[in-house]
């Protein structure tokens, strides 16, 4: 999946925010690894690449946008066992 496709799929979850090329690259790498290892062990029931982006990353980024509306402030959060790293990694 290309970074452009990832950006397109995440657009509805980010409002006016845009992810950097580095962030899109990290999502690209993580989703590829998730799909690769999900074939060997059941990390998530989501197996469609587009759904991995929208259901895992998109929903997590949407939650982060509402939990931390002003990213310039130094707020913290802890993720205790969300499974396969979601939503903690995008937060």
Protein backbone atom coordinates (compact mmCIF):
# COMPACT_ATOMS: atom_id res chain seq x y z
CA UNK A 1 0.00 0.00 0.00
CA UNK A 2 1.35 3.43 -0.91
CA UNK A 3 1.72 6.39 1.40
CA UNK A 4 -0.67 8.31 -0.82
CA UNK A 5 -3.35 5.64 -0.32
CA UNK A 6 -2.75 5.67 3.42
CA UNK A 7 -3.13 9.45 3.52
CA UNK A 8 -6.34 9.19 1.48
CA UNK A 9 -7.82 6.57 3.82
CA UNK A 10 -6.89 8.53 6.95
CA UNK A 11 -8.15 11.91 5.72
CA UNK A 12 -11.67 11.56 7.21
CA UNK A 13 -10.21 10.79 10.65
CA UNK A 14 -7.78 13.71 10.80
CA UNK A 15 -9.99 16.72 10.06
CA UNK A 16 -7.59 19.44 8.83
CA UNK A 17 -4.45 17.74 10.14
CA UNK A 18 -1.98 16.19 7.72
CA UNK A 19 0.52 13.50 8.56
CA UNK A 20 4.16 13.99 7.64
CA UNK A 21 5.94 11.76 5.14
CA UNK A 22 7.80 10.17 8.06
CA UNK A 23 4.55 9.40 9.89
CA UNK A 24 2.99 7.92 6.75
CA UNK A 25 6.12 5.82 6.29
CA UNK A 26 5.85 4.52 9.85
CA UNK A 27 2.20 3.59 9.31
CA UNK A 28 3.13 1.92 6.02
CA UNK A 29 5.84 -0.14 7.73
CA UNK A 30 3.71 -1.06 10.74
CA UNK A 31 0.70 -2.10 8.66
CA UNK A 32 2.89 -4.25 6.38
CA UNK A 33 4.42 -5.98 9.39
CA UNK A 34 1.01 -6.43 10.99
CA UNK A 35 -0.39 -8.07 7.86
CA UNK A 36 2.71 -10.25 7.46
CA UNK A 37 2.68 -11.57 11.02
CA UNK A 38 -1.11 -11.71 11.23
CA UNK A 39 -0.91 -14.52 8.68
CA UNK A 40 1.19 -16.53 11.15
CA UNK A 41 -0.50 -15.63 14.44
CA UNK A 42 -3.85 -14.05 15.09
CA UNK A 43 -2.94 -10.48 16.05
CA UNK A 44 -6.17 -8.96 14.74
CA UNK A 45 -9.33 -10.12 12.98
CA UNK A 46 -8.90 -7.31 10.46
CA UNK A 47 -7.08 -8.66 7.41
CA UNK A 48 -8.01 -6.28 4.60
CA UNK A 49 -5.19 -3.70 4.14
CA UNK A 50 -7.61 -0.77 3.73
CA UNK A 51 -9.47 -1.80 6.88
CA UNK A 52 -6.21 -2.08 8.83
CA UNK A 53 -5.59 1.58 8.02
CA UNK A 54 -9.11 2.82 8.72
CA UNK A 55 -10.16 0.61 11.62
CA UNK A 56 -6.89 0.56 13.49
CA UNK A 57 -4.96 3.68 12.60
CA UNK A 58 -7.88 5.91 11.61
CA UNK A 59 -9.96 5.18 14.69
CA UNK A 60 -6.92 5.54 16.95
CA UNK A 61 -5.94 8.86 15.38
CA UNK A 62 -9.55 10.06 15.67
CA UNK A 63 -9.51 9.22 19.39
CA UNK A 64 -6.16 10.97 19.84
CA UNK A 65 -7.49 14.11 18.14
CA UNK A 66 -10.32 14.27 20.67
CA UNK A 67 -8.27 13.27 23.71
CA UNK A 68 -5.51 15.75 22.88
CA UNK A 69 -7.11 18.64 20.97
CA UNK A 70 -4.05 20.84 21.54
CA UNK A 71 -0.94 18.76 20.74
CA UNK A 72 1.34 21.63 21.85
CA UNK A 73 0.44 20.95 25.50
CA UNK A 74 2.39 18.26 27.28
CA UNK A 75 -0.35 15.76 28.03
CA UNK A 76 0.29 12.08 28.55
CA UNK A 77 -1.71 8.89 28.26
CA UNK A 78 -1.11 5.26 29.00
CA UNK A 79 -2.38 2.33 26.97
CA UNK A 80 -2.88 -0.78 29.04
CA UNK A 81 -3.33 -3.79 26.79
CA UNK A 82 -5.19 -2.79 23.65
CA UNK A 83 -3.91 -5.77 21.67
CA UNK A 84 -1.52 -5.62 18.68
CA UNK A 85 -0.54 -2.10 19.76
CA UNK A 86 -3.82 -0.35 19.01
CA UNK A 87 -4.71 2.40 19.87
CA UNK A 88 -1.52 3.05 21.81
CA UNK A 89 0.87 3.28 18.88
CA UNK A 90 -0.95 6.06 16.97
CA UNK A 91 -1.60 7.93 20.24
